[in-house]
Amino acid sequence: MSVPHGNAVKAAMQFKIGDAVIAPGESRTVEIPVAPTYAHDDLAMSAHVIHGPHAGPALFVCAAIHGDEINGIEIIRRVIKRVDAKKLRGTLVAIPIVNVYGVISHSRYLPDGRDLNRSFPGSASGSLTGRVAHTFMQEIVSNCTHGIDLHTGGRHRSNFPQIRAELSDPAVRAMTEAFGAPLVIDSAVRDGSLRHCATELGVPVILYESCEALRFDEVYIRAGVKGVVNVMRHLGMMRKSRSNARTKTIFSRRTQWLRAPASGIHRILVPLGAQVSEGQVIGLIADPLGIDETEVIAPAAGVIIGRSNLPLVYAGDALFHIAGILDEDTFEAESFHEELMPSDYQEEQDPSNAPIAI
């Protein structure tokens, strides 16, 4: 989408979400009610809306659809601080916690045991999970034109920063390329997922995976913030950066999990993001005394995009997630980390977030 200039710029209309009406140039946090607990405690899904003074796309960015995936919460907090309502074109709808129930209990699921990301579009008269899914679709997705869904690995599992997207959709591919993640998985949508149901409504959505459940990772947070802002610039919502520096992106169309060949204590020999070759020993499983060792061997060449961090394994446990890449592609995880590793933990400023010429 190109950025309009001069007389082509149109003033934004009011933006309505829930019971709130947000005026152009206004920011407001809107509390969207969800089903109360059995103790009659009222819960709400908080959506921070930044509505620019000029017309443009409406982008939702959400996190914690799985309640123990919290890395995206911090990404959204930092993105909000980077956006000035007076300079924004279009509307940013930021929902840091979708699964409020799961976050409270440090659980991936809702209290009824269901996975929210397999329950869309939900139902107003369905299960608790179905009702939350229905609320999100009605109040958020139906009011937006694009979306970014932030996820992490599961418990004791870390994911290297990656975008999962259905690249056959031109709008999705353009958002994916703009995000600039180091690795992209061409991934078909799953039934009942947010991506699937949003796509059916004509809302292109990409999914960012990074880090581990119940953990923050500073480098991966920075990569997520940078990616979301890049997408907003691509959509014409923010001024484009003067920098031409781009993270090299590797695309993959096939992934596989490597499972433990034996039970025991697992020692990991390669880091996340490592490029491995077929037949390479990437882990060792031993008994507690280390007398008997079994090699964990990469079944094919690729990049380690996910791994189990728990040293205690049973035979058959998933240990490494490997993405296949083209033979001529090279992957430099070290340079990616060096680019985003802070010298201290002060939040970075965005010098290009200057007023946009109208």
Protein backbone atom coordinates (compact mmCIF):
# COMPACT_ATOMS: atom_id res chain seq x y z
CA MET A 1 0.00 0.00 0.00
CA SER A 2 1.45 3.37 -0.97
CA VAL A 3 1.44 6.34 1.40
CA PRO A 4 -0.91 9.11 0.22
CA HIS A 5 0.46 12.62 -0.15
CA GLY A 6 -0.89 16.12 -0.46
CA ASN A 7 -4.57 16.42 -1.29
CA ALA A 8 -4.88 12.64 -1.52
CA VAL A 9 -4.81 12.39 2.28
CA LYS A 10 -8.27 11.85 3.73
CA ALA A 11 -9.30 12.58 7.27
CA ALA A 12 -10.15 9.54 9.36
CA MET A 13 -13.66 8.81 10.53
CA GLN A 14 -14.48 7.84 14.09
CA PHE A 15 -13.47 4.30 15.04
CA LYS A 16 -15.96 2.22 17.01
CA ILE A 17 -15.00 -0.80 19.06
CA GLY A 18 -17.05 -2.32 21.84
CA ASP A 19 -19.06 0.48 23.42
CA ALA A 20 -16.35 3.07 22.73
CA VAL A 21 -16.06 5.58 19.92
CA ILE A 22 -12.52 6.85 19.34
CA ALA A 23 -12.06 10.17 17.60
CA PRO A 24 -9.31 10.76 15.01
CA GLY A 25 -6.01 11.53 16.73
CA GLU A 26 -7.14 9.89 19.98
CA SER A 27 -5.74 6.97 21.97
CA ARG A 28 -7.88 4.99 24.38
CA THR A 29 -7.89 1.69 26.20
CA VAL A 30 -11.18 -0.12 25.72
CA GLU A 31 -12.28 -2.89 28.08
CA ILE A 32 -14.18 -5.58 26.17
CA PRO A 33 -16.14 -7.84 28.58
CA VAL A 34 -15.67 -11.59 28.39
CA ALA A 35 -17.53 -14.29 30.32
CA PRO A 36 -17.17 -13.87 34.12
CA THR A 37 -15.62 -16.58 36.25
CA TYR A 38 -17.76 -18.94 38.32
CA ALA A 39 -16.91 -16.74 41.31
CA HIS A 40 -18.70 -13.91 39.46
CA ASP A 41 -15.48 -11.95 38.95
CA ASP A 42 -15.86 -9.75 35.89
CA LEU A 43 -13.05 -10.09 33.38
CA ALA A 44 -12.32 -7.98 30.33
CA MET A 45 -10.03 -8.11 27.31
CA SER A 46 -8.11 -4.83 27.13
CA ALA A 47 -7.63 -3.30 23.67
CA HIS A 48 -5.50 -0.18 23.33
CA VAL A 49 -6.70 1.74 20.28
CA ILE A 50 -4.56 4.40 18.61
CA HIS A 51 -6.67 6.09 15.95
CA GLY A 52 -4.76 8.39 13.62
CA PRO A 53 -6.14 11.64 12.19
CA HIS A 54 -5.81 10.39 8.61
CA ALA A 55 -7.52 7.46 6.95
CA GLY A 56 -5.58 4.24 6.56
CA PRO A 57 -5.52 0.54 7.44
CA ALA A 58 -6.73 -0.86 10.76
CA LEU A 59 -4.10 -3.26 12.09
CA PHE A 60 -4.64 -5.49 15.11
CA VAL A 61 -1.65 -6.88 16.99
CA CYS A 62 -2.46 -9.50 19.60
CA ALA A 63 -0.60 -11.70 22.07
CA ALA A 64 -1.28 -14.37 24.69
CA ILE A 65 -3.93 -16.27 22.77
CA HIS A 66 -2.18 -19.03 24.68
CA GLY A 67 -2.04 -17.77 28.24
CA ASP A 68 1.54 -18.85 28.98
CA GLU A 69 2.98 -17.18 25.85
CA ILE A 70 3.94 -13.82 27.29
CA ASN A 71 6.85 -12.60 25.13
CA GLY A 72 4.35 -10.86 22.82
CA ILE A 73 2.88 -8.88 25.72
CA GLU A 74 6.16 -6.99 26.07
CA ILE A 75 6.45 -6.56 22.30
CA ILE A 76 3.05 -4.85 22.23
CA ARG A 77 3.89 -2.61 25.20
CA ARG A 78 6.94 -1.31 23.36
CA VAL A 79 5.12 -0.91 20.03
CA ILE A 80 2.46 1.24 21.70
CA LYS A 81 5.19 3.54 23.04
CA ARG A 82 6.58 3.96 19.53
CA VAL A 83 3.32 5.16 17.97
CA ASP A 84 2.15 8.77 18.09
CA ALA A 85 -1.61 9.10 17.59
CA LYS A 86 -1.16 12.53 15.95
CA LYS A 87 1.14 11.14 13.24
CA LEU A 88 -0.47 7.77 12.57
CA ARG A 89 -2.33 6.95 9.39
CA GLY A 90 -5.11 4.49 10.11
CA THR A 91 -5.67 2.64 13.36
CA LEU A 92 -3.62 0.36 15.58
CA VAL A 93 -5.62 -2.00 17.80
CA ALA A 94 -3.27 -3.61 20.33
CA ILE A 95 -4.50 -6.52 22.46
CA PRO A 96 -1.62 -7.67 24.70
CA ILE A 97 -3.66 -10.35 26.49
CA VAL A 98 -6.38 -12.21 24.59
CA ASN A 99 -6.62 -15.23 26.91
CA VAL A 100 -7.03 -13.39 30.22
CA TYR A 101 -7.99 -16.58 32.05
CA GLY A 102 -4.85 -18.41 30.92
CA VAL A 103 -2.49 -15.56 31.81
CA ILE A 104 -3.91 -15.41 35.33
CA SER A 105 -3.27 -19.13 35.85
CA HIS A 106 -0.04 -19.35 33.76
CA SER A 107 -1.87 -21.82 31.52
CA ARG A 108 -1.88 -22.28 27.76
CA TYR A 109 -5.58 -23.14 27.86
CA LEU A 110 -8.78 -21.67 29.20
CA PRO A 111 -10.45 -23.10 32.33
CA ASP A 112 -12.58 -25.45 30.21
CA GLY A 113 -9.39 -27.10 28.92
CA ARG A 114 -9.77 -25.93 25.33
CA ASP A 115 -7.17 -24.36 23.03
CA LEU A 116 -8.36 -20.90 21.98
CA ASN A 117 -6.37 -21.06 18.74
CA ARG A 118 -8.34 -24.13 17.65
CA SER A 119 -11.73 -22.64 18.62
CA PHE A 120 -12.26 -19.74 16.20
CA PRO A 121 -14.66 -18.35 15.07
CA GLY A 122 -16.41 -19.48 18.25
CA SER A 123 -20.00 -18.97 19.24
CA ALA A 124 -21.92 -16.51 21.41
CA SER A 125 -23.74 -19.46 23.00
CA GLY A 126 -20.89 -21.99 23.03
CA SER A 127 -18.27 -23.04 25.56
CA LEU A 128 -16.21 -20.52 27.51
CA THR A 129 -13.41 -20.77 24.94
CA GLY A 130 -15.88 -20.48 22.08
CA ARG A 131 -17.37 -17.33 23.60
CA VAL A 132 -13.95 -15.69 23.95
CA ALA A 133 -13.14 -16.59 20.33
CA HIS A 134 -16.49 -15.18 19.19
CA THR A 135 -15.91 -11.93 21.10
CA PHE A 136 -12.47 -11.50 19.57
CA MET A 137 -13.77 -12.09 16.05
CA GLN A 138 -16.71 -9.73 16.46
CA GLU A 139 -15.01 -6.89 18.32
CA ILE A 140 -11.47 -7.00 16.92
CA VAL A 141 -11.04 -8.90 13.65
CA SER A 142 -14.24 -7.66 12.01
CA ASN A 143 -13.15 -4.04 12.67
CA CYS A 144 -9.66 -4.44 11.18
CA THR A 145 -8.06 -4.83 7.75
CA HIS A 146 -4.82 -6.64 8.75
CA GLY A 147 -3.47 -8.56 11.72
CA ILE A 148 -0.30 -9.79 13.45
CA ASP A 149 -0.59 -12.66 15.95
CA LEU A 150 2.31 -13.03 18.44
CA HIS A 151 3.20 -16.47 19.84
CA THR A 152 6.04 -18.32 21.58
CA GLY A 153 7.15 -21.90 21.99
CA GLY A 154 5.55 -24.13 24.61
CA ARG A 155 6.78 -24.92 28.10
CA HIS A 156 10.45 -25.92 28.09
CA ARG A 157 10.53 -25.29 24.32
CA SER A 158 12.14 -22.31 22.63
CA ASN A 159 11.46 -21.04 19.12
CA PHE A 160 13.90 -19.07 17.00
CA PRO A 161 12.24 -15.89 15.62
CA GLN A 162 10.14 -16.85 12.63
CA ILE A 163 7.05 -15.87 10.70
CA ARG A 164 4.44 -18.48 9.84
CA ALA A 165 2.26 -17.43 6.96
CA GLU A 166 0.42 -18.73 3.91
CA LEU A 167 2.63 -17.18 1.26
CA SER A 168 0.27 -17.91 -1.63
CA ASP A 169 -1.78 -14.90 -0.45
CA PRO A 170 -0.12 -11.79 -1.96
CA ALA A 171 -1.13 -9.51 0.93
CA VAL A 172 0.17 -12.00 3.49
CA ARG A 173 3.44 -12.44 1.61
CA ALA A 174 3.96 -8.67 1.40
CA MET A 175 3.42 -8.30 5.16
CA THR A 176 5.77 -11.22 5.79
CA GLU A 177 8.54 -9.73 3.68
CA ALA A 178 8.07 -6.33 5.33
CA PHE A 179 8.29 -7.81 8.84
CA GLY A 180 11.85 -8.94 8.17
CA ALA A 181 12.10 -12.00 10.41
CA PRO A 182 15.25 -14.07 9.87
CA LEU A 183 13.22 -17.13 8.91
CA VAL A 184 9.79 -17.67 7.30
CA ILE A 185 7.79 -20.90 7.31
CA ASP A 186 5.30 -21.20 4.45
CA SER A 187 2.54 -22.64 6.60
CA ALA A 188 -1.03 -23.41 5.59
CA VAL A 189 -3.73 -22.19 7.97
CA ARG A 190 -5.21 -24.69 10.43
CA ASP A 191 -8.93 -25.14 10.95
CA GLY A 192 -10.12 -23.24 14.00
CA SER A 193 -7.09 -20.96 14.14
CA LEU A 194 -7.23 -17.19 14.21
CA ARG A 195 -5.32 -17.05 10.91
CA HIS A 196 -7.84 -19.37 9.26
CA CYS A 197 -10.96 -17.49 10.36
CA ALA A 198 -9.49 -14.03 9.77
CA THR A 199 -8.48 -15.10 6.25
CA GLU A 200 -12.06 -16.20 5.56
CA LEU A 201 -13.15 -12.66 6.50
CA GLY A 202 -10.60 -11.20 4.08
CA VAL A 203 -8.22 -10.04 6.82
CA PRO A 204 -4.61 -11.09 6.09
CA VAL A 205 -2.78 -12.24 9.24
CA ILE A 206 0.82 -13.27 9.87
CA LEU A 207 2.03 -15.14 12.96
CA TYR A 208 5.31 -14.34 14.74
CA GLU A 209 6.89 -17.12 16.81
CA SER A 210 9.78 -16.59 19.23
CA CYS A 211 11.09 -17.44 22.68
CA GLU A 212 9.66 -19.86 25.26
CA ALA A 213 6.46 -19.93 27.32
CA LEU A 214 6.56 -17.83 30.51
CA ARG A 215 9.84 -16.18 29.46
CA PHE A 216 11.07 -12.89 28.04
CA ASP A 217 13.97 -12.74 25.58
CA GLU A 218 15.35 -9.27 24.94
CA VAL A 219 16.71 -9.97 21.45
CA TYR A 220 13.52 -11.68 20.31
CA ILE A 221 11.40 -8.89 21.79
CA ARG A 222 13.40 -6.32 19.85
CA ALA A 223 13.03 -8.38 16.68
CA GLY A 224 9.26 -8.47 17.22
CA VAL A 225 8.98 -4.72 17.83
CA LYS A 226 11.06 -3.99 14.75
CA GLY A 227 8.95 -6.36 12.67
CA VAL A 228 5.59 -4.91 13.74
CA VAL A 229 6.81 -1.38 13.04
CA ASN A 230 8.13 -2.51 9.65
CA VAL A 231 4.68 -3.87 8.75
CA MET A 232 3.07 -0.61 9.82
CA ARG A 233 5.48 1.28 7.57
CA HIS A 234 4.73 -1.11 4.71
CA LEU A 235 1.00 -0.44 5.16
CA GLY A 236 1.60 3.32 5.07
CA MET A 237 0.64 3.80 8.72
CA MET A 238 4.02 5.20 9.76
CA ARG A 239 6.79 7.03 7.98
CA LYS A 240 9.29 4.71 6.33
CA SER A 241 12.74 4.38 7.83
CA ARG A 242 15.70 6.09 6.17
CA SER A 243 17.79 3.01 6.83
CA ASN A 244 18.11 0.46 4.03
CA ALA A 245 19.42 -2.25 6.35
CA ARG A 246 17.34 -5.41 6.08
CA THR A 247 17.61 -8.71 7.90
CA LYS A 248 18.30 -11.54 5.46
CA THR A 249 15.26 -13.79 5.39
CA ILE A 250 15.37 -17.52 4.69
CA PHE A 251 12.18 -19.22 3.46
CA SER A 252 11.25 -22.80 4.26
CA ARG A 253 8.39 -24.97 3.07
CA ARG A 254 9.06 -28.07 5.16
CA THR A 255 9.86 -28.68 8.80
CA GLN A 256 10.25 -31.80 10.92
CA TRP A 257 10.69 -32.70 14.58
CA LEU A 258 13.64 -34.86 15.56
CA ARG A 259 12.66 -37.16 18.43
CA ALA A 260 14.80 -38.68 21.15
CA PRO A 261 16.26 -42.07 20.14
CA ALA A 262 16.63 -43.08 23.81
CA SER A 263 15.68 -42.03 27.34
CA GLY A 264 18.14 -40.23 29.57
CA ILE A 265 19.86 -36.88 30.16
CA HIS A 266 20.04 -34.79 27.00
CA ARG A 267 22.99 -32.48 26.30
CA ILE A 268 22.31 -29.96 23.51
CA LEU A 269 25.28 -29.34 21.21
CA VAL A 270 23.87 -26.67 18.87
CA PRO A 271 22.09 -23.35 19.57
CA LEU A 272 18.79 -22.10 18.23
CA GLY A 273 19.25 -20.76 14.73
CA ALA A 274 22.17 -23.08 13.98
CA GLN A 275 22.47 -24.36 10.43
CA VAL A 276 23.09 -28.11 10.59
CA SER A 277 24.00 -30.72 8.01
CA GLU A 278 22.57 -34.18 7.44
CA GLY A 279 24.22 -36.71 9.74
CA GLN A 280 25.58 -34.07 12.14
CA VAL A 281 25.57 -34.97 15.84
CA ILE A 282 23.52 -32.21 17.50
CA GLY A 283 22.88 -33.76 20.90
CA LEU A 284 23.90 -36.57 23.24
CA ILE A 285 21.64 -38.61 25.53
CA ALA A 286 23.29 -40.44 28.42
CA ASP A 287 22.43 -42.22 31.64
CA PRO A 288 23.03 -40.13 34.81
CA LEU A 289 26.58 -41.51 35.14
CA GLY A 290 27.39 -40.85 31.48
CA ILE A 291 28.54 -44.42 30.87
CA ASP A 292 26.24 -45.08 27.92
CA GLU A 293 25.68 -42.30 25.38
CA THR A 294 23.37 -42.17 22.37
CA GLU A 295 23.99 -39.65 19.62
CA VAL A 296 21.15 -37.41 18.41
CA ILE A 297 21.74 -37.09 14.67
CA ALA A 298 20.22 -34.53 12.30
CA PRO A 299 18.15 -36.44 9.72
CA ALA A 300 18.51 -33.69 7.11
CA ALA A 301 20.20 -30.36 6.50
CA GLY A 302 18.38 -27.30 7.81
CA VAL A 303 18.08 -24.70 10.54
CA ILE A 304 17.20 -25.36 14.18
CA ILE A 305 14.03 -23.30 14.61
CA GLY A 306 12.82 -24.90 17.83
CA ARG A 307 14.17 -27.12 20.58
CA SER A 308 13.33 -28.64 23.93
CA ASN A 309 15.20 -27.04 26.83
CA LEU A 310 14.40 -29.82 29.31
CA PRO A 311 17.41 -32.14 29.75
CA LEU A 312 15.31 -35.03 31.05
CA VAL A 313 13.89 -36.95 28.09
CA TYR A 314 12.06 -40.14 27.27
CA ALA A 315 12.55 -41.98 24.02
CA GLY A 316 10.22 -40.39 21.46
CA ASP A 317 10.19 -36.91 23.03
CA ALA A 318 10.46 -34.04 20.52
CA LEU A 319 13.96 -32.55 20.84
CA PHE A 320 14.70 -30.36 17.81
CA HIS A 321 12.48 -28.67 15.22
CA ILE A 322 14.38 -28.41 11.93
CA ALA A 323 13.38 -26.28 8.94
CA GLY A 324 14.64 -27.40 5.55
CA ILE A 325 16.22 -24.69 3.40
CA LEU A 326 17.59 -24.55 -0.14
CA ASP A 327 21.15 -25.76 -0.56
CA GLU A 328 22.37 -22.38 -1.76
CA ASP A 329 20.86 -20.52 1.20
CA THR A 330 23.09 -19.65 4.13
CA PHE A 331 21.84 -18.66 7.53
CA GLU A 332 23.69 -16.34 9.91
CA ALA A 333 22.03 -16.46 13.31
CA GLU A 334 25.05 -14.87 14.96
CA SER A 335 24.77 -11.66 12.93
CA PHE A 336 21.05 -11.50 13.70
CA HIS A 337 21.76 -11.64 17.44
CA GLU A 338 24.59 -9.11 17.18
CA GLU A 339 22.33 -6.65 15.35
CA LEU A 340 19.65 -6.72 18.05
CA MET A 341 21.65 -7.45 21.20
CA PRO A 342 21.57 -4.29 23.35
CA SER A 343 24.69 -2.96 25.01
CA ASP A 344 22.37 -2.26 27.91
CA TYR A 345 18.67 -2.76 28.50
CA GLN A 346 17.50 0.76 27.79
CA GLU A 347 14.66 0.70 25.29
CA GLU A 348 15.73 1.80 21.85
CA GLN A 349 14.37 4.99 20.33
CA ASP A 350 13.04 5.28 16.79
CA PRO A 351 14.67 8.29 15.14
CA SER A 352 12.60 7.86 11.98
CA ASN A 353 9.29 8.25 13.79
CA ALA A 354 9.16 11.90 12.81
CA PRO A 355 6.12 13.85 11.59
CA ILE A 356 4.88 12.67 8.21
CA ALA A 357 4.71 15.25 5.45
CA ILE A 358 1.08 15.73 4.48
